[in-house]
Amino acid sequence: MAADPVEYFDALETRNPAEREAALFAALVRQIAHAQSRAAYFAEILCDIDARDITSRAALATLPVTRKS
């Protein structure tokens, strides 16, 4: 009996692109809000940003670029 040539670790790998994108943006909203509430640097540079508004690629493109240095 031949093994299935395609193996996946879990169902997250095979979900449709719209579901994946929605989940990614939900996680991003949480991450932005966390950064704003826990790090003074991000609170300052993202002071005009409502994390809940970052729900699309277009909205993501409006965020300022940050640097590590």
N, C-alpha and C. Protein backbone atom coordinates (compact mmCIF):
# COMPACT_ATOMS: atom_id res chain seq x y z
N MET A 1 0.84 -1.18 0.00
CA MET A 1 0.00 0.00 0.00
C MET A 1 0.89 1.25 0.00
N ALA A 2 0.64 2.16 -0.89
CA ALA A 2 1.46 3.37 -1.01
C ALA A 2 1.04 4.40 0.04
N ALA A 3 2.02 5.06 0.57
CA ALA A 3 1.75 6.11 1.55
C ALA A 3 1.26 7.37 0.84
N ASP A 4 0.49 8.15 1.54
CA ASP A 4 0.02 9.43 1.01
C ASP A 4 1.25 10.30 0.77
N PRO A 5 1.47 10.78 -0.47
CA PRO A 5 2.68 11.55 -0.77
C PRO A 5 2.71 12.93 -0.12
N VAL A 6 1.56 13.41 0.31
CA VAL A 6 1.50 14.73 0.93
C VAL A 6 1.08 14.56 2.39
N GLU A 7 1.95 14.93 3.29
CA GLU A 7 1.64 14.86 4.71
C GLU A 7 1.66 16.27 5.28
N TYR A 8 0.73 16.53 6.18
CA TYR A 8 0.64 17.83 6.83
C TYR A 8 0.71 17.64 8.33
N PHE A 9 1.27 18.61 9.01
CA PHE A 9 1.35 18.53 10.46
C PHE A 9 -0.02 18.72 11.11
N ASP A 10 -0.81 19.63 10.57
CA ASP A 10 -2.15 19.85 11.11
C ASP A 10 -3.03 20.54 10.08
N ALA A 11 -4.29 20.71 10.44
CA ALA A 11 -5.27 21.29 9.52
C ALA A 11 -4.97 22.75 9.16
N LEU A 12 -4.20 23.44 9.98
CA LEU A 12 -3.86 24.84 9.68
C LEU A 12 -3.12 24.96 8.36
N GLU A 13 -2.39 23.93 7.99
CA GLU A 13 -1.62 23.97 6.75
C GLU A 13 -2.48 23.86 5.50
N THR A 14 -3.68 23.36 5.65
CA THR A 14 -4.51 23.11 4.47
C THR A 14 -5.77 23.98 4.43
N ARG A 15 -5.88 24.94 5.32
CA ARG A 15 -7.08 25.79 5.29
C ARG A 15 -7.04 26.71 4.08
N ASN A 16 -8.19 27.25 3.75
CA ASN A 16 -8.23 28.10 2.55
C ASN A 16 -7.55 29.44 2.85
N PRO A 17 -7.07 30.10 1.81
CA PRO A 17 -6.30 31.34 2.00
C PRO A 17 -7.04 32.44 2.75
N ALA A 18 -8.34 32.56 2.55
CA ALA A 18 -9.09 33.61 3.25
C ALA A 18 -9.13 33.35 4.75
N GLU A 19 -9.31 32.09 5.14
CA GLU A 19 -9.30 31.74 6.57
C GLU A 19 -7.92 32.02 7.17
N ARG A 20 -6.89 31.65 6.44
CA ARG A 20 -5.52 31.87 6.92
C ARG A 20 -5.25 33.35 7.11
N GLU A 21 -5.62 34.16 6.13
CA GLU A 21 -5.39 35.60 6.22
C GLU A 21 -6.16 36.21 7.39
N ALA A 22 -7.40 35.79 7.59
CA ALA A 22 -8.20 36.31 8.70
C ALA A 22 -7.54 35.96 10.04
N ALA A 23 -7.05 34.76 10.17
CA ALA A 23 -6.38 34.34 11.41
C ALA A 23 -5.08 35.13 11.62
N LEU A 24 -4.34 35.35 10.56
CA LEU A 24 -3.09 36.11 10.67
C LEU A 24 -3.36 37.54 11.12
N PHE A 25 -4.38 38.18 10.56
CA PHE A 25 -4.67 39.55 10.94
C PHE A 25 -5.24 39.63 12.35
N ALA A 26 -6.00 38.64 12.77
CA ALA A 26 -6.48 38.61 14.16
C ALA A 26 -5.29 38.54 15.12
N ALA A 27 -4.32 37.71 14.80
CA ALA A 27 -3.12 37.60 15.63
C ALA A 27 -2.32 38.90 15.59
N LEU A 28 -2.25 39.53 14.44
CA LEU A 28 -1.51 40.79 14.31
C LEU A 28 -2.14 41.88 15.16
N VAL A 29 -3.46 41.96 15.17
CA VAL A 29 -4.15 42.95 16.00
C VAL A 29 -3.77 42.75 17.47
N ARG A 30 -3.77 41.51 17.92
CA ARG A 30 -3.39 41.22 19.31
C ARG A 30 -1.94 41.61 19.57
N GLN A 31 -1.06 41.33 18.62
CA GLN A 31 0.36 41.62 18.80
C GLN A 31 0.62 43.13 18.85
N ILE A 32 -0.04 43.88 17.98
CA ILE A 32 0.12 45.34 17.98
C ILE A 32 -0.39 45.92 19.30
N ALA A 33 -1.56 45.48 19.74
CA ALA A 33 -2.11 45.97 21.00
C ALA A 33 -1.19 45.63 22.17
N HIS A 34 -0.63 44.44 22.15
CA HIS A 34 0.30 44.03 23.20
C HIS A 34 1.53 44.94 23.20
N ALA A 35 2.09 45.18 22.03
CA ALA A 35 3.27 46.05 21.93
C ALA A 35 2.96 47.46 22.43
N GLN A 36 1.80 47.96 22.06
CA GLN A 36 1.43 49.31 22.50
C GLN A 36 1.28 49.39 24.02
N SER A 37 0.79 48.35 24.63
CA SER A 37 0.54 48.40 26.07
C SER A 37 1.75 48.02 26.92
N ARG A 38 2.74 47.35 26.32
CA ARG A 38 3.87 46.84 27.10
C ARG A 38 5.21 47.52 26.81
N ALA A 39 5.30 48.25 25.72
CA ALA A 39 6.59 48.85 25.36
C ALA A 39 6.40 50.34 25.07
N ALA A 40 7.07 51.16 25.84
CA ALA A 40 6.94 52.61 25.67
C ALA A 40 7.29 53.05 24.25
N TYR A 41 8.31 52.43 23.67
CA TYR A 41 8.72 52.78 22.31
C TYR A 41 7.57 52.60 21.33
N PHE A 42 6.93 51.44 21.38
CA PHE A 42 5.83 51.19 20.45
C PHE A 42 4.59 52.00 20.81
N ALA A 43 4.37 52.24 22.07
CA ALA A 43 3.26 53.10 22.47
C ALA A 43 3.41 54.48 21.85
N GLU A 44 4.65 54.96 21.81
CA GLU A 44 4.91 56.29 21.25
C GLU A 44 4.77 56.31 19.73
N ILE A 45 5.43 55.37 19.05
CA ILE A 45 5.40 55.45 17.58
C ILE A 45 4.07 54.98 16.99
N LEU A 46 3.29 54.24 17.76
CA LEU A 46 1.99 53.77 17.27
C LEU A 46 0.84 54.47 17.99
N CYS A 47 1.11 55.65 18.55
CA CYS A 47 0.10 56.35 19.35
C CYS A 47 -1.16 56.72 18.56
N ASP A 48 -1.02 56.92 17.27
CA ASP A 48 -2.17 57.29 16.44
C ASP A 48 -2.83 56.08 15.78
N ILE A 49 -2.40 54.89 16.14
CA ILE A 49 -2.89 53.66 15.52
C ILE A 49 -3.83 52.93 16.48
N ASP A 50 -5.00 52.57 15.99
CA ASP A 50 -5.89 51.68 16.74
C ASP A 50 -5.65 50.29 16.18
N ALA A 51 -5.10 49.42 16.99
CA ALA A 51 -4.74 48.07 16.53
C ALA A 51 -5.92 47.37 15.87
N ARG A 52 -7.13 47.63 16.36
CA ARG A 52 -8.33 46.96 15.81
C ARG A 52 -8.60 47.34 14.36
N ASP A 53 -7.99 48.42 13.89
CA ASP A 53 -8.20 48.85 12.51
C ASP A 53 -7.28 48.15 11.51
N ILE A 54 -6.30 47.40 11.99
CA ILE A 54 -5.35 46.74 11.10
C ILE A 54 -5.90 45.36 10.74
N THR A 55 -6.80 45.36 9.76
CA THR A 55 -7.50 44.13 9.39
C THR A 55 -7.32 43.76 7.92
N SER A 56 -6.42 44.46 7.24
CA SER A 56 -6.20 44.17 5.82
C SER A 56 -4.75 44.50 5.47
N ARG A 57 -4.34 44.05 4.31
CA ARG A 57 -2.99 44.37 3.85
C ARG A 57 -2.83 45.87 3.62
N ALA A 58 -3.88 46.51 3.15
CA ALA A 58 -3.82 47.96 2.93
C ALA A 58 -3.63 48.69 4.25
N ALA A 59 -4.34 48.27 5.29
CA ALA A 59 -4.19 48.89 6.60
C ALA A 59 -2.80 48.62 7.17
N LEU A 60 -2.30 47.42 6.96
CA LEU A 60 -0.95 47.06 7.42
C LEU A 60 0.09 47.97 6.78
N ALA A 61 -0.10 48.31 5.53
CA ALA A 61 0.85 49.15 4.80
C ALA A 61 0.90 50.57 5.36
N THR A 62 -0.08 50.98 6.15
CA THR A 62 -0.08 52.32 6.73
C THR A 62 0.76 52.42 8.00
N LEU A 63 1.16 51.28 8.56
CA LEU A 63 1.96 51.31 9.78
C LEU A 63 3.36 51.83 9.48
N PRO A 64 3.94 52.55 10.42
CA PRO A 64 5.31 53.02 10.21
C PRO A 64 6.29 51.86 10.22
N VAL A 65 7.34 52.01 9.46
CA VAL A 65 8.42 51.02 9.46
C VAL A 65 9.26 51.27 10.71
N THR A 66 9.56 50.23 11.44
CA THR A 66 10.40 50.38 12.63
C THR A 66 11.73 49.69 12.42
N ARG A 67 12.72 50.14 13.13
CA ARG A 67 14.07 49.58 13.02
C ARG A 67 14.52 49.10 14.39
N LYS A 68 15.37 48.12 14.41
CA LYS A 68 15.86 47.57 15.66
C LYS A 68 16.87 48.49 16.33
N SER A 69 17.60 49.26 15.58
CA SER A 69 18.69 50.06 16.15
C SER A 69 18.24 51.27 16.92
